[in-house]
Amino acid sequence: MSAQEKAKAKAEQTKGKVKREAGRAVGNESKEAEGRAEQAKGDLRGAKEKAKDAFHD
C-alpha cells in the first residue's frame, strides 16, 4: 500500500468518524449519515490498496 494512499484512507476514516460522532452528539442525523459514508469511503480506499498489494507481491 502506498504511503500516500494509506494516509488518505486513514484521514477519510478519521474525518468520517469525527463527523459521525459530532452529528450524533447534536442529534443531526444528516451529519451522522455523512460521517458514516465518509468513513466507509476511507475503508474502501484502504481495502483497495490492500488488494493491490496482494496482487503485486
PDB file of N, CA and C in Angstrom:
ATOM      1  N   MET A   1       0.857  -1.166   0.000  1.00  0.00           N
ATOM      2  CA  MET A   1       0.000   0.000   0.000  1.00  0.00           C
ATOM      3  C   MET A   1       0.901   1.226   0.000  1.00  0.00           C
ATOM      4  N   SER A   2       0.652   2.126  -0.945  1.00  0.00           N
ATOM      5  CA  SER A   2       1.483   3.321  -0.961  1.00  0.00           C
ATOM      6  C   SER A   2       1.189   4.157   0.274  1.00  0.00           C
ATOM      7  N   ALA A   3       2.198   4.784   0.761  1.00  0.00           N
ATOM      8  CA  ALA A   3       2.052   5.570   1.983  1.00  0.00           C
ATOM      9  C   ALA A   3       1.054   6.701   1.805  1.00  0.00           C
ATOM     10  N   GLN A   4       1.046   7.309   0.633  1.00  0.00           N
ATOM     11  CA  GLN A   4       0.136   8.423   0.377  1.00  0.00           C
ATOM     12  C   GLN A   4      -1.323   7.949   0.385  1.00  0.00           C
ATOM     13  N   GLU A   5      -1.605   6.851  -0.278  1.00  0.00           N
ATOM     14  CA  GLU A   5      -2.968   6.318  -0.313  1.00  0.00           C
ATOM     15  C   GLU A   5      -3.407   5.833   1.069  1.00  0.00           C
ATOM     16  N   LYS A   6      -2.473   5.236   1.799  1.00  0.00           N
ATOM     17  CA  LYS A   6      -2.782   4.775   3.150  1.00  0.00           C
ATOM     18  C   LYS A   6      -3.141   5.963   4.035  1.00  0.00           C
ATOM     19  N   ALA A   7      -2.402   7.054   3.895  1.00  0.00           N
ATOM     20  CA  ALA A   7      -2.681   8.256   4.674  1.00  0.00           C
ATOM     21  C   ALA A   7      -4.038   8.849   4.306  1.00  0.00           C
ATOM     22  N   LYS A   8      -4.369   8.852   3.009  1.00  0.00           N
ATOM     23  CA  LYS A   8      -5.669   9.352   2.570  1.00  0.00           C
ATOM     24  C   LYS A   8      -6.796   8.524   3.171  1.00  0.00           C
ATOM     25  N   ALA A   9      -6.640   7.215   3.138  1.00  0.00           N
ATOM     26  CA  ALA A   9      -7.662   6.321   3.677  1.00  0.00           C
ATOM     27  C   ALA A   9      -7.857   6.576   5.168  1.00  0.00           C
ATOM     28  N   LYS A  10      -6.758   6.694   5.894  1.00  0.00           N
ATOM     29  CA  LYS A  10      -6.833   6.912   7.336  1.00  0.00           C
ATOM     30  C   LYS A  10      -7.469   8.271   7.643  1.00  0.00           C
ATOM     31  N   ALA A  11      -7.118   9.287   6.850  1.00  0.00           N
ATOM     32  CA  ALA A  11      -7.688  10.621   7.058  1.00  0.00           C
ATOM     33  C   ALA A  11      -9.192  10.606   6.814  1.00  0.00           C
ATOM     34  N   GLU A  12      -9.635   9.935   5.758  1.00  0.00           N
ATOM     35  CA  GLU A  12     -11.066   9.838   5.476  1.00  0.00           C
ATOM     36  C   GLU A  12     -11.800   9.098   6.591  1.00  0.00           C
ATOM     37  N   GLN A  13     -11.205   8.035   7.062  1.00  0.00           N
ATOM     38  CA  GLN A  13     -11.820   7.270   8.140  1.00  0.00           C
ATOM     39  C   GLN A  13     -11.966   8.134   9.393  1.00  0.00           C
ATOM     40  N   THR A  14     -10.918   8.841   9.736  1.00  0.00           N
ATOM     41  CA  THR A  14     -10.927   9.672  10.931  1.00  0.00           C
ATOM     42  C   THR A  14     -11.904  10.833  10.789  1.00  0.00           C
ATOM     43  N   LYS A  15     -11.862  11.510   9.650  1.00  0.00           N
ATOM     44  CA  LYS A  15     -12.765  12.636   9.417  1.00  0.00           C
ATOM     45  C   LYS A  15     -14.221  12.173   9.473  1.00  0.00           C
ATOM     46  N   GLY A  16     -14.492  11.019   8.888  1.00  0.00           N
ATOM     47  CA  GLY A  16     -15.838  10.476   8.912  1.00  0.00           C
ATOM     48  C   GLY A  16     -16.290  10.140  10.322  1.00  0.00           C
ATOM     49  N   LYS A  17     -15.391   9.565  11.092  1.00  0.00           N
ATOM     50  CA  LYS A  17     -15.740   9.199  12.471  1.00  0.00           C
ATOM     51  C   LYS A  17     -16.040  10.442  13.304  1.00  0.00           C
ATOM     52  N   VAL A  18     -15.235  11.480  13.140  1.00  0.00           N
ATOM     53  CA  VAL A  18     -15.454  12.724  13.876  1.00  0.00           C
ATOM     54  C   VAL A  18     -16.793  13.337  13.477  1.00  0.00           C
ATOM     55  N   LYS A  19     -17.058  13.377  12.171  1.00  0.00           N
ATOM     56  CA  LYS A  19     -18.309  13.950  11.686  1.00  0.00           C
ATOM     57  C   LYS A  19     -19.506  13.144  12.183  1.00  0.00           C
ATOM     58  N   ARG A  20     -19.373  11.823  12.166  1.00  0.00           N
ATOM     59  CA  ARG A  20     -20.450  10.951  12.636  1.00  0.00           C
ATOM     60  C   ARG A  20     -20.742  11.188  14.114  1.00  0.00           C
ATOM     61  N   GLU A  21     -19.689  11.240  14.913  1.00  0.00           N
ATOM     62  CA  GLU A  21     -19.864  11.440  16.354  1.00  0.00           C
ATOM     63  C   GLU A  21     -20.405  12.835  16.668  1.00  0.00           C
ATOM     64  N   ALA A  22     -19.962  13.836  15.926  1.00  0.00           N
ATOM     65  CA  ALA A  22     -20.474  15.192  16.137  1.00  0.00           C
ATOM     66  C   ALA A  22     -21.959  15.243  15.792  1.00  0.00           C
ATOM     67  N   GLY A  23     -22.343  14.620  14.703  1.00  0.00           N
ATOM     68  CA  GLY A  23     -23.750  14.570  14.327  1.00  0.00           C
ATOM     69  C   GLY A  23     -24.582  13.857  15.366  1.00  0.00           C
ATOM     70  N   ARG A  24     -24.052  12.779  15.887  1.00  0.00           N
ATOM     71  CA  ARG A  24     -24.750  12.016  16.928  1.00  0.00           C
ATOM     72  C   ARG A  24     -24.905  12.860  18.198  1.00  0.00           C
ATOM     73  N   ALA A  25     -23.871  13.591  18.553  1.00  0.00           N
ATOM     74  CA  ALA A  25     -23.889  14.389  19.784  1.00  0.00           C
ATOM     75  C   ALA A  25     -24.949  15.486  19.750  1.00  0.00           C
ATOM     76  N   VAL A  26     -25.150  16.085  18.574  1.00  0.00           N
ATOM     77  CA  VAL A  26     -26.124  17.182  18.485  1.00  0.00           C
ATOM     78  C   VAL A  26     -27.459  16.722  17.922  1.00  0.00           C
ATOM     79  N   GLY A  27     -27.574  15.446  17.614  1.00  0.00           N
ATOM     80  CA  GLY A  27     -28.834  14.914  17.100  1.00  0.00           C
ATOM     81  C   GLY A  27     -29.085  15.222  15.642  1.00  0.00           C
ATOM     82  N   ASN A  28     -28.028  15.462  14.872  1.00  0.00           N
ATOM     83  CA  ASN A  28     -28.163  15.767  13.455  1.00  0.00           C
ATOM     84  C   ASN A  28     -27.948  14.486  12.652  1.00  0.00           C
ATOM     85  N   GLU A  29     -29.039  13.851  12.264  1.00  0.00           N
ATOM     86  CA  GLU A  29     -28.948  12.571  11.560  1.00  0.00           C
ATOM     87  C   GLU A  29     -28.270  12.701  10.207  1.00  0.00           C
ATOM     88  N   SER A  30     -28.439  13.844   9.552  1.00  0.00           N
ATOM     89  CA  SER A  30     -27.813  14.065   8.250  1.00  0.00           C
ATOM     90  C   SER A  30     -26.285  14.055   8.365  1.00  0.00           C
ATOM     91  N   LYS A  31     -25.752  14.783   9.353  1.00  0.00           N
ATOM     92  CA  LYS A  31     -24.297  14.804   9.561  1.00  0.00           C
ATOM     93  C   LYS A  31     -23.790  13.430   9.971  1.00  0.00           C
ATOM     94  N   GLU A  32     -24.570  12.738  10.772  1.00  0.00           N
ATOM     95  CA  GLU A  32     -24.187  11.397  11.201  1.00  0.00           C
ATOM     96  C   GLU A  32     -24.074  10.470   9.991  1.00  0.00           C
ATOM     97  N   ALA A  33     -25.039  10.567   9.085  1.00  0.00           N
ATOM     98  CA  ALA A  33     -25.020   9.739   7.872  1.00  0.00           C
ATOM     99  C   ALA A  33     -23.852  10.125   6.970  1.00  0.00           C
ATOM    100  N   GLU A  34     -23.587  11.426   6.847  1.00  0.00           N
ATOM    101  CA  GLU A  34     -22.433  11.881   6.050  1.00  0.00           C
ATOM    102  C   GLU A  34     -21.145  11.290   6.615  1.00  0.00           C
ATOM    103  N   GLY A  35     -21.034  11.307   7.924  1.00  0.00           N
ATOM    104  CA  GLY A  35     -19.836  10.772   8.569  1.00  0.00           C
ATOM    105  C   GLY A  35     -19.678   9.285   8.323  1.00  0.00           C
ATOM    106  N   ARG A  36     -20.785   8.543   8.415  1.00  0.00           N
ATOM    107  CA  ARG A  36     -20.720   7.100   8.137  1.00  0.00           C
ATOM    108  C   ARG A  36     -20.290   6.845   6.700  1.00  0.00           C
ATOM    109  N   ALA A  37     -20.825   7.636   5.771  1.00  0.00           N
ATOM    110  CA  ALA A  37     -20.471   7.464   4.358  1.00  0.00           C
ATOM    111  C   ALA A  37     -19.003   7.772   4.117  1.00  0.00           C
ATOM    112  N   GLU A  38     -18.513   8.839   4.723  1.00  0.00           N
ATOM    113  CA  GLU A  38     -17.118   9.214   4.551  1.00  0.00           C
ATOM    114  C   GLU A  38     -16.184   8.170   5.165  1.00  0.00           C
ATOM    115  N   GLN A  39     -16.571   7.646   6.304  1.00  0.00           N
ATOM    116  CA  GLN A  39     -15.771   6.612   6.943  1.00  0.00           C
ATOM    117  C   GLN A  39     -15.741   5.361   6.069  1.00  0.00           C
ATOM    118  N   ALA A  40     -16.872   5.002   5.478  1.00  0.00           N
ATOM    119  CA  ALA A  40     -16.937   3.837   4.593  1.00  0.00           C
ATOM    120  C   ALA A  40     -16.068   4.046   3.360  1.00  0.00           C
ATOM    121  N   LYS A  41     -16.051   5.266   2.844  1.00  0.00           N
ATOM    122  CA  LYS A  41     -15.211   5.577   1.682  1.00  0.00           C
ATOM    123  C   LYS A  41     -13.737   5.337   2.020  1.00  0.00           C
ATOM    124  N   GLY A  42     -13.335   5.760   3.209  1.00  0.00           N
ATOM    125  CA  GLY A  42     -11.955   5.527   3.653  1.00  0.00           C
ATOM    126  C   GLY A  42     -11.668   4.046   3.817  1.00  0.00           C
ATOM    127  N   ASP A  43     -12.646   3.297   4.339  1.00  0.00           N
ATOM    128  CA  ASP A  43     -12.480   1.849   4.486  1.00  0.00           C
ATOM    129  C   ASP A  43     -12.286   1.189   3.121  1.00  0.00           C
ATOM    130  N   LEU A  44     -13.084   1.618   2.147  1.00  0.00           N
ATOM    131  CA  LEU A  44     -12.970   1.045   0.797  1.00  0.00           C
ATOM    132  C   LEU A  44     -11.635   1.380   0.151  1.00  0.00           C
ATOM    133  N   ARG A  45     -11.187   2.614   0.349  1.00  0.00           N
ATOM    134  CA  ARG A  45      -9.892   3.012  -0.218  1.00  0.00           C
ATOM    135  C   ARG A  45      -8.781   2.141   0.370  1.00  0.00           C
ATOM    136  N   GLY A  46      -8.834   1.912   1.670  1.00  0.00           N
ATOM    137  CA  GLY A  46      -7.831   1.070   2.310  1.00  0.00           C
ATOM    138  C   GLY A  46      -7.882  -0.365   1.821  1.00  0.00           C
ATOM    139  N   ALA A  47      -9.097  -0.896   1.642  1.00  0.00           N
ATOM    140  CA  ALA A  47      -9.251  -2.261   1.146  1.00  0.00           C
ATOM    141  C   ALA A  47      -8.728  -2.388  -0.274  1.00  0.00           C
ATOM    142  N   LYS A  48      -8.971  -1.364  -1.090  1.00  0.00           N
ATOM    143  CA  LYS A  48      -8.488  -1.381  -2.475  1.00  0.00           C
ATOM    144  C   LYS A  48      -6.962  -1.444  -2.503  1.00  0.00           C
ATOM    145  N   GLU A  49      -6.335  -0.643  -1.671  1.00  0.00           N
ATOM    146  CA  GLU A  49      -4.881  -0.635  -1.632  1.00  0.00           C
ATOM    147  C   GLU A  49      -4.319  -1.966  -1.135  1.00  0.00           C
ATOM    148  N   LYS A  50      -4.976  -2.574  -0.166  1.00  0.00           N
ATOM    149  CA  LYS A  50      -4.521  -3.883   0.333  1.00  0.00           C
ATOM    150  C   LYS A  50      -4.643  -4.943  -0.760  1.00  0.00           C
ATOM    151  N   ALA A  51      -5.717  -4.871  -1.543  1.00  0.00           N
ATOM    152  CA  ALA A  51      -5.902  -5.824  -2.631  1.00  0.00           C
ATOM    153  C   ALA A  51      -4.818  -5.624  -3.689  1.00  0.00           C
ATOM    154  N   LYS A  52      -4.498  -4.378  -4.002  1.00  0.00           N
ATOM    155  CA  LYS A  52      -3.439  -4.097  -4.977  1.00  0.00           C
ATOM    156  C   LYS A  52      -2.128  -4.672  -4.483  1.00  0.00           C
ATOM    157  N   ASP A  53      -1.855  -4.502  -3.201  1.00  0.00           N
ATOM    158  CA  ASP A  53      -0.602  -5.032  -2.632  1.00  0.00           C
ATOM    159  C   ASP A  53      -0.557  -6.547  -2.732  1.00  0.00           C
ATOM    160  N   ALA A  54      -1.682  -7.191  -2.521  1.00  0.00           N
ATOM    161  CA  ALA A  54      -1.724  -8.655  -2.556  1.00  0.00           C
ATOM    162  C   ALA A  54      -1.391  -9.183  -3.950  1.00  0.00           C
ATOM    163  N   PHE A  55      -1.814  -8.477  -4.986  1.00  0.00           N
ATOM    164  CA  PHE A  55      -1.563  -8.923  -6.346  1.00  0.00           C
ATOM    165  C   PHE A  55      -0.165  -8.561  -6.840  1.00  0.00           C
ATOM    166  N   HIS A  56       0.462  -7.590  -6.199  1.00  0.00           N
ATOM    167  CA  HIS A  56       1.783  -7.157  -6.635  1.00  0.00           C
ATOM    168  C   HIS A  56       2.909  -7.841  -5.893  1.00  0.00           C
ATOM    169  N   ASP A  57       2.570  -8.630  -4.894  1.00  0.00           N
ATOM    170  CA  ASP A  57       3.632  -9.317  -4.134  1.00  0.00           C
ATOM    171  C   ASP A  57       3.984 -10.630  -4.727  1.00  0.00           C
TER     172      ASP A  57
END
